[in-house]
PDB file of N, CA and C in Angstrom:
ATOM      1  N   MET A   1      -6.346  -9.801 -37.446  1.00  0.00           N
ATOM      2  CA  MET A   1      -5.867  -9.731 -36.079  1.00  0.00           C
ATOM      3  C   MET A   1      -5.997  -8.281 -35.617  1.00  0.00           C
ATOM      4  N   GLY A   2      -6.707  -8.074 -34.510  1.00  0.00           N
ATOM      5  CA  GLY A   2      -6.930  -6.735 -33.981  1.00  0.00           C
ATOM      6  C   GLY A   2      -5.753  -6.235 -33.172  1.00  0.00           C
ATOM      7  N   ILE A   3      -5.821  -4.983 -32.837  1.00  0.00           N
ATOM      8  CA  ILE A   3      -4.737  -4.360 -32.073  1.00  0.00           C
ATOM      9  C   ILE A   3      -4.580  -4.997 -30.695  1.00  0.00           C
ATOM     10  N   PHE A   4      -5.710  -5.366 -30.055  1.00  0.00           N
ATOM     11  CA  PHE A   4      -5.610  -5.998 -28.729  1.00  0.00           C
ATOM     12  C   PHE A   4      -4.977  -7.378 -28.819  1.00  0.00           C
ATOM     13  N   ASP A   5      -5.203  -8.090 -29.931  1.00  0.00           N
ATOM     14  CA  ASP A   5      -4.549  -9.380 -30.115  1.00  0.00           C
ATOM     15  C   ASP A   5      -3.042  -9.193 -30.234  1.00  0.00           C
ATOM     16  N   LYS A   6      -2.629  -8.162 -30.980  1.00  0.00           N
ATOM     17  CA  LYS A   6      -1.195  -7.886 -31.137  1.00  0.00           C
ATOM     18  C   LYS A   6      -0.564  -7.494 -29.808  1.00  0.00           C
ATOM     19  N   ILE A   7      -1.266  -6.652 -29.049  1.00  0.00           N
ATOM     20  CA  ILE A   7      -0.750  -6.252 -27.739  1.00  0.00           C
ATOM     21  C   ILE A   7      -0.665  -7.472 -26.831  1.00  0.00           C
ATOM     22  N   GLY A   8      -1.700  -8.309 -26.875  1.00  0.00           N
ATOM     23  CA  GLY A   8      -1.715  -9.524 -26.057  1.00  0.00           C
ATOM     24  C   GLY A   8      -0.545 -10.426 -26.371  1.00  0.00           C
ATOM     25  N   GLN A   9      -0.236 -10.585 -27.663  1.00  0.00           N
ATOM     26  CA  GLN A   9       0.915 -11.416 -28.042  1.00  0.00           C
ATOM     27  C   GLN A   9       2.212 -10.769 -27.577  1.00  0.00           C
ATOM     28  N   ALA A  10       2.307  -9.447 -27.681  1.00  0.00           N
ATOM     29  CA  ALA A  10       3.535  -8.754 -27.300  1.00  0.00           C
ATOM     30  C   ALA A  10       3.826  -8.880 -25.810  1.00  0.00           C
ATOM     31  N   ILE A  11       2.764  -8.923 -24.996  1.00  0.00           N
ATOM     32  CA  ILE A  11       2.985  -9.025 -23.560  1.00  0.00           C
ATOM     33  C   ILE A  11       2.860 -10.440 -23.041  1.00  0.00           C
ATOM     34  N   GLY A  12       2.654 -11.377 -23.931  1.00  0.00           N
ATOM     35  CA  GLY A  12       2.692 -12.778 -23.534  1.00  0.00           C
ATOM     36  C   GLY A  12       1.359 -13.409 -23.216  1.00  0.00           C
ATOM     37  N   ALA A  13       0.256 -12.748 -23.524  1.00  0.00           N
ATOM     38  CA  ALA A  13      -1.057 -13.349 -23.275  1.00  0.00           C
ATOM     39  C   ALA A  13      -1.349 -14.349 -24.385  1.00  0.00           C
ATOM     40  N   SER A  14      -1.855 -15.500 -24.011  1.00  0.00           N
ATOM     41  CA  SER A  14      -2.155 -16.514 -25.014  1.00  0.00           C
ATOM     42  C   SER A  14      -3.483 -16.209 -25.691  1.00  0.00           C
ATOM     43  N   LYS A  15      -3.757 -16.913 -26.806  1.00  0.00           N
ATOM     44  CA  LYS A  15      -5.015 -16.712 -27.519  1.00  0.00           C
ATOM     45  C   LYS A  15      -6.210 -17.088 -26.660  1.00  0.00           C
ATOM     46  N   GLU A  16      -6.033 -18.042 -25.756  1.00  0.00           N
ATOM     47  CA  GLU A  16      -7.139 -18.479 -24.925  1.00  0.00           C
ATOM     48  C   GLU A  16      -7.529 -17.432 -23.890  1.00  0.00           C
ATOM     49  N   MET A  17      -6.649 -16.497 -23.596  1.00  0.00           N
ATOM     50  CA  MET A  17      -6.904 -15.490 -22.567  1.00  0.00           C
ATOM     51  C   MET A  17      -7.129 -14.137 -23.233  1.00  0.00           C
ATOM     52  N   SER A  18      -8.257 -13.514 -22.932  1.00  0.00           N
ATOM     53  CA  SER A  18      -8.525 -12.193 -23.507  1.00  0.00           C
ATOM     54  C   SER A  18      -7.664 -11.152 -22.790  1.00  0.00           C
ATOM     55  N   ILE A  19      -7.531  -9.986 -23.409  1.00  0.00           N
ATOM     56  CA  ILE A  19      -6.735  -8.920 -22.806  1.00  0.00           C
ATOM     57  C   ILE A  19      -7.367  -8.475 -21.490  1.00  0.00           C
ATOM     58  N   GLU A  20      -8.695  -8.506 -21.412  1.00  0.00           N
ATOM     59  CA  GLU A  20      -9.381  -8.137 -20.168  1.00  0.00           C
ATOM     60  C   GLU A  20      -9.041  -9.119 -19.049  1.00  0.00           C
ATOM     61  N   ASP A  21      -9.008 -10.412 -19.386  1.00  0.00           N
ATOM     62  CA  ASP A  21      -8.640 -11.421 -18.395  1.00  0.00           C
ATOM     63  C   ASP A  21      -7.197 -11.226 -17.941  1.00  0.00           C
ATOM     64  N   TYR A  22      -6.321 -10.932 -18.897  1.00  0.00           N
ATOM     65  CA  TYR A  22      -4.910 -10.746 -18.567  1.00  0.00           C
ATOM     66  C   TYR A  22      -4.714  -9.528 -17.669  1.00  0.00           C
ATOM     67  N   MET A  23      -5.383  -8.420 -18.006  1.00  0.00           N
ATOM     68  CA  MET A  23      -5.228  -7.197 -17.220  1.00  0.00           C
ATOM     69  C   MET A  23      -5.795  -7.376 -15.811  1.00  0.00           C
ATOM     70  N   GLY A  24      -6.756  -8.261 -15.645  1.00  0.00           N
ATOM     71  CA  GLY A  24      -7.335  -8.519 -14.340  1.00  0.00           C
ATOM     72  C   GLY A  24      -6.618  -9.596 -13.556  1.00  0.00           C
ATOM     73  N   SER A  25      -5.611 -10.217 -14.148  1.00  0.00           N
ATOM     74  CA  SER A  25      -4.914 -11.312 -13.476  1.00  0.00           C
ATOM     75  C   SER A  25      -4.035 -10.791 -12.343  1.00  0.00           C
ATOM     76  N   ALA A  26      -3.680 -11.682 -11.437  1.00  0.00           N
ATOM     77  CA  ALA A  26      -2.893 -11.313 -10.257  1.00  0.00           C
ATOM     78  C   ALA A  26      -1.539 -10.736 -10.629  1.00  0.00           C
ATOM     79  N   GLU A  27      -0.920 -11.228 -11.694  1.00  0.00           N
ATOM     80  CA  GLU A  27       0.416 -10.735 -12.046  1.00  0.00           C
ATOM     81  C   GLU A  27       0.385  -9.309 -12.575  1.00  0.00           C
ATOM     82  N   MET A  28      -0.786  -8.840 -13.024  1.00  0.00           N
ATOM     83  CA  MET A  28      -0.896  -7.468 -13.519  1.00  0.00           C
ATOM     84  C   MET A  28      -1.397  -6.513 -12.447  1.00  0.00           C
ATOM     85  N   GLU A  29      -1.625  -6.990 -11.241  1.00  0.00           N
ATOM     86  CA  GLU A  29      -2.196  -6.192 -10.173  1.00  0.00           C
ATOM     87  C   GLU A  29      -1.400  -4.923  -9.884  1.00  0.00           C
ATOM     88  N   ASP A  30      -0.086  -4.994  -9.893  1.00  0.00           N
ATOM     89  CA  ASP A  30       0.753  -3.851  -9.557  1.00  0.00           C
ATOM     90  C   ASP A  30       1.352  -3.164 -10.774  1.00  0.00           C
ATOM     91  N   VAL A  31       0.820  -3.425 -11.969  1.00  0.00           N
ATOM     92  CA  VAL A  31       1.393  -2.861 -13.179  1.00  0.00           C
ATOM     93  C   VAL A  31       0.499  -1.759 -13.712  1.00  0.00           C
ATOM     94  N   ASP A  32       1.088  -0.616 -13.995  1.00  0.00           N
ATOM     95  CA  ASP A  32       0.383   0.502 -14.603  1.00  0.00           C
ATOM     96  C   ASP A  32       0.915   0.612 -16.030  1.00  0.00           C
ATOM     97  N   VAL A  33       0.122   0.139 -17.014  1.00  0.00           N
ATOM     98  CA  VAL A  33       0.610   0.070 -18.384  1.00  0.00           C
ATOM     99  C   VAL A  33       0.616   1.428 -19.071  1.00  0.00           C
ATOM    100  N   LEU A  34      -0.056   2.416 -18.507  1.00  0.00           N
ATOM    101  CA  LEU A  34      -0.114   3.725 -19.143  1.00  0.00           C
ATOM    102  C   LEU A  34       1.030   4.638 -18.729  1.00  0.00           C
ATOM    103  N   ASN A  35       1.656   4.349 -17.608  1.00  0.00           N
ATOM    104  CA  ASN A  35       2.723   5.201 -17.096  1.00  0.00           C
ATOM    105  C   ASN A  35       3.948   4.370 -16.763  1.00  0.00           C
ATOM    106  N   GLU A  36       5.092   5.050 -16.732  1.00  0.00           N
ATOM    107  CA  GLU A  36       6.306   4.351 -16.333  1.00  0.00           C
ATOM    108  C   GLU A  36       6.256   4.085 -14.830  1.00  0.00           C
ATOM    109  N   PRO A  37       7.029   3.119 -14.341  1.00  0.00           N
ATOM    110  CA  PRO A  37       7.006   2.791 -12.915  1.00  0.00           C
ATOM    111  C   PRO A  37       7.371   4.004 -12.054  1.00  0.00           C
ATOM    112  N   ALA A  38       6.705   4.134 -10.918  1.00  0.00           N
ATOM    113  CA  ALA A  38       6.963   5.245  -9.991  1.00  0.00           C
ATOM    114  C   ALA A  38       8.074   4.863  -9.021  1.00  0.00           C
ATOM    115  N   ASP A  39       8.649   5.860  -8.375  1.00  0.00           N
ATOM    116  CA  ASP A  39       9.665   5.615  -7.362  1.00  0.00           C
ATOM    117  C   ASP A  39       9.045   5.042  -6.089  1.00  0.00           C
ATOM    118  N   MET A  40       7.813   5.461  -5.795  1.00  0.00           N
ATOM    119  CA  MET A  40       7.088   4.946  -4.636  1.00  0.00           C
ATOM    120  C   MET A  40       5.601   4.995  -4.942  1.00  0.00           C
ATOM    121  N   TYR A  41       4.841   4.216  -4.197  1.00  0.00           N
ATOM    122  CA  TYR A  41       3.398   4.137  -4.380  1.00  0.00           C
ATOM    123  C   TYR A  41       2.699   4.393  -3.051  1.00  0.00           C
ATOM    124  N   VAL A  42       1.462   4.836  -3.101  1.00  0.00           N
ATOM    125  CA  VAL A  42       0.599   4.906  -1.935  1.00  0.00           C
ATOM    126  C   VAL A  42      -0.281   3.667  -2.015  1.00  0.00           C
ATOM    127  N   LYS A  43      -0.154   2.803  -1.017  1.00  0.00           N
ATOM    128  CA  LYS A  43      -0.858   1.523  -1.065  1.00  0.00           C
ATOM    129  C   LYS A  43      -1.863   1.410   0.078  1.00  0.00           C
ATOM    130  N   PRO A  44      -3.116   1.114  -0.249  1.00  0.00           N
ATOM    131  CA  PRO A  44      -4.099   0.855   0.811  1.00  0.00           C
ATOM    132  C   PRO A  44      -3.913  -0.564   1.347  1.00  0.00           C
ATOM    133  N   VAL A  45      -3.905  -0.694   2.672  1.00  0.00           N
ATOM    134  CA  VAL A  45      -3.745  -1.993   3.306  1.00  0.00           C
ATOM    135  C   VAL A  45      -4.774  -2.102   4.427  1.00  0.00           C
ATOM    136  N   SER A  46      -5.535  -3.182   4.433  1.00  0.00           N
ATOM    137  CA  SER A  46      -6.455  -3.477   5.533  1.00  0.00           C
ATOM    138  C   SER A  46      -5.772  -4.493   6.433  1.00  0.00           C
ATOM    139  N   ILE A  47      -5.717  -4.189   7.704  1.00  0.00           N
ATOM    140  CA  ILE A  47      -5.036  -5.083   8.640  1.00  0.00           C
ATOM    141  C   ILE A  47      -6.082  -5.876   9.432  1.00  0.00           C
ATOM    142  N   VAL A  48      -5.825  -7.171   9.548  1.00  0.00           N
ATOM    143  CA  VAL A  48      -6.757  -8.062  10.227  1.00  0.00           C
ATOM    144  C   VAL A  48      -6.115  -8.678  11.468  1.00  0.00           C
ATOM    145  N   SER A  49      -4.816  -8.962  11.380  1.00  0.00           N
ATOM    146  CA  SER A  49      -4.135  -9.605  12.507  1.00  0.00           C
ATOM    147  C   SER A  49      -2.720  -9.064  12.640  1.00  0.00           C
ATOM    148  N   GLU A  50      -2.055  -9.461  13.712  1.00  0.00           N
ATOM    149  CA  GLU A  50      -0.686  -9.002  13.962  1.00  0.00           C
ATOM    150  C   GLU A  50       0.295  -9.478  12.896  1.00  0.00           C
ATOM    151  N   GLU A  51      -0.006 -10.579  12.230  1.00  0.00           N
ATOM    152  CA  GLU A  51       0.870 -11.094  11.169  1.00  0.00           C
ATOM    153  C   GLU A  51       0.916 -10.122   9.972  1.00  0.00           C
ATOM    154  N   ASP A  52      -0.140  -9.318   9.811  1.00  0.00           N
ATOM    155  CA  ASP A  52      -0.190  -8.380   8.691  1.00  0.00           C
ATOM    156  C   ASP A  52       0.839  -7.258   8.816  1.00  0.00           C
ATOM    157  N   THR A  53       1.422  -7.095  10.009  1.00  0.00           N
ATOM    158  CA  THR A  53       2.444  -6.057  10.159  1.00  0.00           C
ATOM    159  C   THR A  53       3.678  -6.367   9.304  1.00  0.00           C
ATOM    160  N   LYS A  54       3.919  -7.628   9.016  1.00  0.00           N
ATOM    161  CA  LYS A  54       5.051  -8.009   8.149  1.00  0.00           C
ATOM    162  C   LYS A  54       4.857  -7.447   6.742  1.00  0.00           C
ATOM    163  N   LEU A  55       3.614  -7.460   6.250  1.00  0.00           N
ATOM    164  CA  LEU A  55       3.311  -6.881   4.939  1.00  0.00           C
ATOM    165  C   LEU A  55       3.595  -5.378   4.945  1.00  0.00           C
ATOM    166  N   ILE A  56       3.213  -4.713   6.009  1.00  0.00           N
ATOM    167  CA  ILE A  56       3.450  -3.272   6.122  1.00  0.00           C
ATOM    168  C   ILE A  56       4.943  -2.986   6.137  1.00  0.00           C
ATOM    169  N   GLU A  57       5.698  -3.751   6.898  1.00  0.00           N
ATOM    170  CA  GLU A  57       7.149  -3.576   6.948  1.00  0.00           C
ATOM    171  C   GLU A  57       7.776  -3.792   5.572  1.00  0.00           C
ATOM    172  N   ALA A  58       7.310  -4.799   4.857  1.00  0.00           N
ATOM    173  CA  ALA A  58       7.845  -5.075   3.513  1.00  0.00           C
ATOM    174  C   ALA A  58       7.553  -3.927   2.562  1.00  0.00           C
ATOM    175  N   GLU A  59       6.357  -3.366   2.631  1.00  0.00           N
ATOM    176  CA  GLU A  59       6.010  -2.241   1.763  1.00  0.00           C
ATOM    177  C   GLU A  59       6.833  -1.000   2.111  1.00  0.00           C
ATOM    178  N   LEU A  60       7.058  -0.760   3.386  1.00  0.00           N
ATOM    179  CA  LEU A  60       7.874   0.376   3.794  1.00  0.00           C
ATOM    180  C   LEU A  60       9.324   0.204   3.336  1.00  0.00           C
ATOM    181  N   GLU A  61       9.824  -1.025   3.342  1.00  0.00           N
ATOM    182  CA  GLU A  61      11.177  -1.289   2.835  1.00  0.00           C
ATOM    183  C   GLU A  61      11.279  -0.962   1.347  1.00  0.00           C
ATOM    184  N   LYS A  62      10.169  -1.119   0.624  1.00  0.00           N
ATOM    185  CA  LYS A  62      10.128  -0.791  -0.804  1.00  0.00           C
ATOM    186  C   LYS A  62       9.896   0.698  -1.036  1.00  0.00           C
ATOM    187  N   LYS A  63       9.877   1.478   0.060  1.00  0.00           N
ATOM    188  CA  LYS A  63       9.681   2.933   0.027  1.00  0.00           C
ATOM    189  C   LYS A  63       8.258   3.339  -0.334  1.00  0.00           C
ATOM    190  N   ASN A  64       7.284   2.473  -0.095  1.00  0.00           N
ATOM    191  CA  ASN A  64       5.893   2.800  -0.371  1.00  0.00           C
ATOM    192  C   ASN A  64       5.236   3.426   0.849  1.00  0.00           C
ATOM    193  N   ILE A  65       4.240   4.271   0.602  1.00  0.00           N
ATOM    194  CA  ILE A  65       3.449   4.903   1.649  1.00  0.00           C
ATOM    195  C   ILE A  65       2.206   4.042   1.859  1.00  0.00           C
ATOM    196  N   ILE A  66       1.842   3.816   3.109  1.00  0.00           N
ATOM    197  CA  ILE A  66       0.724   2.935   3.442  1.00  0.00           C
ATOM    198  C   ILE A  66      -0.452   3.753   3.967  1.00  0.00           C
ATOM    199  N   LEU A  67      -1.617   3.509   3.407  1.00  0.00           N
ATOM    200  CA  LEU A  67      -2.867   4.025   3.950  1.00  0.00           C
ATOM    201  C   LEU A  67      -3.537   2.822   4.616  1.00  0.00           C
ATOM    202  N   LEU A  68      -3.408   2.756   5.926  1.00  0.00           N
ATOM    203  CA  LEU A  68      -3.812   1.580   6.693  1.00  0.00           C
ATOM    204  C   LEU A  68      -5.263   1.697   7.152  1.00  0.00           C
ATOM    205  N   ASN A  69      -6.042   0.646   6.882  1.00  0.00           N
ATOM    206  CA  ASN A  69      -7.430   0.565   7.312  1.00  0.00           C
ATOM    207  C   ASN A  69      -7.492  -0.311   8.565  1.00  0.00           C
ATOM    208  N   LEU A  70      -7.947   0.269   9.675  1.00  0.00           N
ATOM    209  CA  LEU A  70      -8.010  -0.435  10.961  1.00  0.00           C
ATOM    210  C   LEU A  70      -9.415  -0.917  11.306  1.00  0.00           C
ATOM    211  N   GLU A  71     -10.325  -0.832  10.372  1.00  0.00           N
ATOM    212  CA  GLU A  71     -11.725  -1.132  10.655  1.00  0.00           C
ATOM    213  C   GLU A  71     -11.915  -2.496  11.320  1.00  0.00           C
ATOM    214  N   GLU A  72     -11.247  -3.506  10.829  1.00  0.00           N
ATOM    215  CA  GLU A  72     -11.410  -4.861  11.368  1.00  0.00           C
ATOM    216  C   GLU A  72     -10.832  -4.991  12.775  1.00  0.00           C
ATOM    217  N   VAL A  73      -9.658  -4.430  13.032  1.00  0.00           N
ATOM    218  CA  VAL A  73      -9.038  -4.585  14.351  1.00  0.00           C
ATOM    219  C   VAL A  73      -9.602  -3.613  15.384  1.00  0.00           C
ATOM    220  N   ASN A  74     -10.346  -2.608  14.964  1.00  0.00           N
ATOM    221  CA  ASN A  74     -10.984  -1.709  15.929  1.00  0.00           C
ATOM    222  C   ASN A  74     -11.984  -2.455  16.812  1.00  0.00           C
ATOM    223  N   LYS A  75     -12.447  -3.598  16.337  1.00  0.00           N
ATOM    224  CA  LYS A  75     -13.386  -4.421  17.103  1.00  0.00           C
ATOM    225  C   LYS A  75     -12.688  -5.135  18.258  1.00  0.00           C
ATOM    226  N   ARG A  76     -11.333  -5.184  18.207  1.00  0.00           N
ATOM    227  CA  ARG A  76     -10.537  -5.854  19.234  1.00  0.00           C
ATOM    228  C   ARG A  76      -9.479  -4.871  19.748  1.00  0.00           C
ATOM    229  N   PRO A  77      -9.836  -4.065  20.758  1.00  0.00           N
ATOM    230  CA  PRO A  77      -8.938  -2.996  21.229  1.00  0.00           C
ATOM    231  C   PRO A  77      -7.542  -3.450  21.645  1.00  0.00           C
ATOM    232  N   ASN A  78      -7.425  -4.598  22.294  1.00  0.00           N
ATOM    233  CA  ASN A  78      -6.099  -5.068  22.726  1.00  0.00           C
ATOM    234  C   ASN A  78      -5.223  -5.413  21.524  1.00  0.00           C
ATOM    235  N   THR A  79      -5.816  -6.082  20.544  1.00  0.00           N
ATOM    236  CA  THR A  79      -5.080  -6.422  19.326  1.00  0.00           C
ATOM    237  C   THR A  79      -4.686  -5.151  18.586  1.00  0.00           C
ATOM    238  N   ARG A  80      -5.615  -4.198  18.499  1.00  0.00           N
ATOM    239  CA  ARG A  80      -5.342  -2.918  17.825  1.00  0.00           C
ATOM    240  C   ARG A  80      -4.154  -2.214  18.482  1.00  0.00           C
ATOM    241  N   ALA A  81      -4.158  -2.148  19.811  1.00  0.00           N
ATOM    242  CA  ALA A  81      -3.073  -1.486  20.539  1.00  0.00           C
ATOM    243  C   ALA A  81      -1.732  -2.170  20.274  1.00  0.00           C
ATOM    244  N   ALA A  82      -1.716  -3.493  20.267  1.00  0.00           N
ATOM    245  CA  ALA A  82      -0.472  -4.239  20.025  1.00  0.00           C
ATOM    246  C   ALA A  82       0.034  -3.999  18.594  1.00  0.00           C
ATOM    247  N   ILE A  83      -0.886  -3.983  17.637  1.00  0.00           N
ATOM    248  CA  ILE A  83      -0.500  -3.761  16.240  1.00  0.00           C
ATOM    249  C   ILE A  83       0.069  -2.359  16.058  1.00  0.00           C
ATOM    250  N   ILE A  84      -0.611  -1.361  16.596  1.00  0.00           N
ATOM    251  CA  ILE A  84      -0.142   0.022  16.469  1.00  0.00           C
ATOM    252  C   ILE A  84       1.213   0.191  17.154  1.00  0.00           C
ATOM    253  N   ALA A  85       1.397  -0.397  18.323  1.00  0.00           N
ATOM    254  CA  ALA A  85       2.688  -0.312  19.028  1.00  0.00           C
ATOM    255  C   ALA A  85       3.799  -0.938  18.200  1.00  0.00           C
ATOM    256  N   SER A  86       3.522  -2.085  17.591  1.00  0.00           N
ATOM    257  CA  SER A  86       4.516  -2.762  16.753  1.00  0.00           C
ATOM    258  C   SER A  86       4.873  -1.920  15.530  1.00  0.00           C
ATOM    259  N   ILE A  87       3.874  -1.363  14.887  1.00  0.00           N
ATOM    260  CA  ILE A  87       4.111  -0.532  13.698  1.00  0.00           C
ATOM    261  C   ILE A  87       4.878   0.730  14.080  1.00  0.00           C
ATOM    262  N   LYS A  88       4.490   1.379  15.187  1.00  0.00           N
ATOM    263  CA  LYS A  88       5.193   2.592  15.638  1.00  0.00           C
ATOM    264  C   LYS A  88       6.670   2.304  15.903  1.00  0.00           C
ATOM    265  N   ALA A  89       6.947   1.181  16.556  1.00  0.00           N
ATOM    266  CA  ALA A  89       8.334   0.824  16.860  1.00  0.00           C
ATOM    267  C   ALA A  89       9.136   0.645  15.573  1.00  0.00           C
ATOM    268  N   TYR A  90       8.551  -0.044  14.601  1.00  0.00           N
ATOM    269  CA  TYR A  90       9.251  -0.263  13.334  1.00  0.00           C
ATOM    270  C   TYR A  90       9.463   1.050  12.586  1.00  0.00           C
ATOM    271  N   VAL A  91       8.425   1.889  12.535  1.00  0.00           N
ATOM    272  CA  VAL A  91       8.509   3.168  11.815  1.00  0.00           C
ATOM    273  C   VAL A  91       9.572   4.068  12.457  1.00  0.00           C
ATOM    274  N   THR A  92       9.636   4.072  13.784  1.00  0.00           N
ATOM    275  CA  THR A  92      10.660   4.854  14.484  1.00  0.00           C
ATOM    276  C   THR A  92      12.054   4.337  14.142  1.00  0.00           C
ATOM    277  N   LYS A  93      12.188   3.016  14.100  1.00  0.00           N
ATOM    278  CA  LYS A  93      13.488   2.389  13.798  1.00  0.00           C
ATOM    279  C   LYS A  93      13.992   2.766  12.402  1.00  0.00           C
ATOM    280  N   ILE A  94      13.085   2.868  11.424  1.00  0.00           N
ATOM    281  CA  ILE A  94      13.518   3.167  10.047  1.00  0.00           C
ATOM    282  C   ILE A  94      13.493   4.662   9.727  1.00  0.00           C
ATOM    283  N   ASN A  95      13.131   5.498  10.724  1.00  0.00           N
ATOM    284  CA  ASN A  95      13.045   6.946  10.539  1.00  0.00           C
ATOM    285  C   ASN A  95      11.920   7.332   9.575  1.00  0.00           C
ATOM    286  N   GLY A  96      10.804   6.615   9.675  1.00  0.00           N
ATOM    287  CA  GLY A  96       9.612   6.962   8.905  1.00  0.00           C
ATOM    288  C   GLY A  96       8.693   7.802   9.762  1.00  0.00           C
ATOM    289  N   ASP A  97       7.391   7.785   9.451  1.00  0.00           N
ATOM    290  CA  ASP A  97       6.433   8.554  10.233  1.00  0.00           C
ATOM    291  C   ASP A  97       5.070   7.868  10.189  1.00  0.00           C
ATOM    292  N   ILE A  98       4.226   8.191  11.161  1.00  0.00           N
ATOM    293  CA  ILE A  98       2.897   7.601  11.266  1.00  0.00           C
ATOM    294  C   ILE A  98       1.952   8.665  11.809  1.00  0.00           C
ATOM    295  N   ALA A  99       0.724   8.705  11.273  1.00  0.00           N
ATOM    296  CA  ALA A  99      -0.277   9.660  11.746  1.00  0.00           C
ATOM    297  C   ALA A  99      -1.661   9.063  11.569  1.00  0.00           C
ATOM    298  N   GLN A 100      -2.489   9.236  12.593  1.00  0.00           N
ATOM    299  CA  GLN A 100      -3.869   8.761  12.502  1.00  0.00           C
ATOM    300  C   GLN A 100      -4.695   9.829  11.790  1.00  0.00           C
ATOM    301  N   LEU A 101      -5.412   9.420  10.743  1.00  0.00           N
ATOM    302  CA  LEU A 101      -6.234  10.346   9.970  1.00  0.00           C
ATOM    303  C   LEU A 101      -7.641  10.448  10.545  1.00  0.00           C
ATOM    304  N   ASP A 102      -8.206   9.313  10.941  1.00  0.00           N
ATOM    305  CA  ASP A 102      -9.511   9.261  11.587  1.00  0.00           C
ATOM    306  C   ASP A 102      -9.614   7.953  12.361  1.00  0.00           C
ATOM    307  N   GLU A 103     -10.799   7.568  12.777  1.00  0.00           N
ATOM    308  CA  GLU A 103     -10.981   6.374  13.608  1.00  0.00           C
ATOM    309  C   GLU A 103     -10.496   5.077  12.951  1.00  0.00           C
ATOM    310  N   THR A 104     -10.558   5.020  11.621  1.00  0.00           N
ATOM    311  CA  THR A 104     -10.230   3.762  10.947  1.00  0.00           C
ATOM    312  C   THR A 104      -9.024   3.836  10.025  1.00  0.00           C
ATOM    313  N   ARG A 105      -8.436   5.009   9.852  1.00  0.00           N
ATOM    314  CA  ARG A 105      -7.325   5.119   8.902  1.00  0.00           C
ATOM    315  C   ARG A 105      -6.085   5.744   9.523  1.00  0.00           C
ATOM    316  N   VAL A 106      -4.938   5.160   9.140  1.00  0.00           N
ATOM    317  CA  VAL A 106      -3.634   5.630   9.599  1.00  0.00           C
ATOM    318  C   VAL A 106      -2.729   5.756   8.375  1.00  0.00           C
ATOM    319  N   LEU A 107      -1.969   6.838   8.314  1.00  0.00           N
ATOM    320  CA  LEU A 107      -1.005   7.055   7.241  1.00  0.00           C
ATOM    321  C   LEU A 107       0.376   6.692   7.770  1.00  0.00           C
ATOM    322  N   ILE A 108       1.109   5.845   7.031  1.00  0.00           N
ATOM    323  CA  ILE A 108       2.442   5.398   7.442  1.00  0.00           C
ATOM    324  C   ILE A 108       3.397   5.666   6.295  1.00  0.00           C
ATOM    325  N   THR A 109       4.517   6.319   6.600  1.00  0.00           N
ATOM    326  CA  THR A 109       5.480   6.661   5.555  1.00  0.00           C
ATOM    327  C   THR A 109       6.809   5.945   5.779  1.00  0.00           C
ATOM    328  N   PRO A 110       7.545   5.721   4.696  1.00  0.00           N
ATOM    329  CA  PRO A 110       8.860   5.069   4.807  1.00  0.00           C
ATOM    330  C   PRO A 110       9.919   6.041   5.313  1.00  0.00           C
ATOM    331  N   ALA A 111      11.144   5.573   5.355  1.00  0.00           N
ATOM    332  CA  ALA A 111      12.269   6.375   5.824  1.00  0.00           C
ATOM    333  C   ALA A 111      12.356   7.704   5.080  1.00  0.00           C
ATOM    334  N   LYS A 112      12.655   8.746   5.845  1.00  0.00           N
ATOM    335  CA  LYS A 112      12.897  10.087   5.330  1.00  0.00           C
ATOM    336  C   LYS A 112      11.687  10.746   4.682  1.00  0.00           C
ATOM    337  N   VAL A 113      10.490  10.253   4.992  1.00  0.00           N
ATOM    338  CA  VAL A 113       9.257  10.916   4.555  1.00  0.00           C
ATOM    339  C   VAL A 113       8.503  11.275   5.828  1.00  0.00           C
ATOM    340  N   LYS A 114       8.284  12.561   6.039  1.00  0.00           N
ATOM    341  CA  LYS A 114       7.632  13.017   7.263  1.00  0.00           C
ATOM    342  C   LYS A 114       6.252  13.584   6.954  1.00  0.00           C
ATOM    343  N   ILE A 115       5.368  13.481   7.931  1.00  0.00           N
ATOM    344  CA  ILE A 115       4.000  13.961   7.828  1.00  0.00           C
ATOM    345  C   ILE A 115       3.892  15.236   8.673  1.00  0.00           C
ATOM    346  N   ILE A 116       3.383  16.305   8.104  1.00  0.00           N
ATOM    347  CA  ILE A 116       3.129  17.520   8.868  1.00  0.00           C
ATOM    348  C   ILE A 116       1.790  17.314   9.563  1.00  0.00           C
ATOM    349  N   LYS A 117       1.831  17.282  10.875  1.00  0.00           N
ATOM    350  CA  LYS A 117       0.643  16.924  11.642  1.00  0.00           C
ATOM    351  C   LYS A 117      -0.160  18.134  12.097  1.00  0.00           C
ATOM    352  N   ARG A 118       0.435  19.302  12.097  1.00  0.00           N
ATOM    353  CA  ARG A 118      -0.260  20.524  12.509  1.00  0.00           C
ATOM    354  C   ARG A 118      -0.076  21.602  11.465  1.00  0.00           C
ATOM    355  N   LYS A 119      -1.123  22.330  11.280  1.00  0.00           N
ATOM    356  CA  LYS A 119      -1.043  23.453  10.362  1.00  0.00           C
ATOM    357  C   LYS A 119      -0.540  24.667  11.147  1.00  0.00           C
ATOM    358  N   LYS A 120       0.448  25.374  10.617  1.00  0.00           N
ATOM    359  CA  LYS A 120       0.969  26.560  11.271  1.00  0.00           C
ATOM    360  C   LYS A 120      -0.066  27.680  11.171  1.00  0.00           C
ATOM    361  N   ALA A 121      -0.138  28.454  12.222  1.00  0.00           N
ATOM    362  CA  ALA A 121      -1.038  29.596  12.210  1.00  0.00           C
ATOM    363  C   ALA A 121      -0.524  30.632  11.226  1.00  0.00           C
ATOM    364  N   GLN A 122      -1.427  31.168  10.435  1.00  0.00           N
ATOM    365  CA  GLN A 122      -1.026  32.184   9.455  1.00  0.00           C
ATOM    366  C   GLN A 122      -0.910  33.527  10.148  1.00  0.00           C
ATOM    367  N   LYS A 123       0.067  34.292   9.728  1.00  0.00           N
ATOM    368  CA  LYS A 123       0.309  35.615  10.333  1.00  0.00           C
ATOM    369  C   LYS A 123      -0.453  36.685   9.608  1.00  0.00           C
TER     370      LYS A 123
END
């Protein structure tokens, strides 16, 4: 019995499932086996519709930072405007912050995490 078989048994993987299959499974998606759990994560999220704002709100409640990809909704300016307005309202309500990085990416932070948007001039 190899070391990966022992590890697989210890974490509950069956003999029929290889360790590679287990590590690629949906339940292992958010697990970092090399490090202890972090207090917060930076999570990339691609938004497609207004319903996706609920996912963003849930992640912010978990104190995670969101790197939002707007590429899909940029094709629909009215939808994009409504989504951004909804996210801004929620972020303001929880005392978080939001900043546009470029045409397709927005950084969103949870409560009590602020983004410095301007660099101070050096003296």
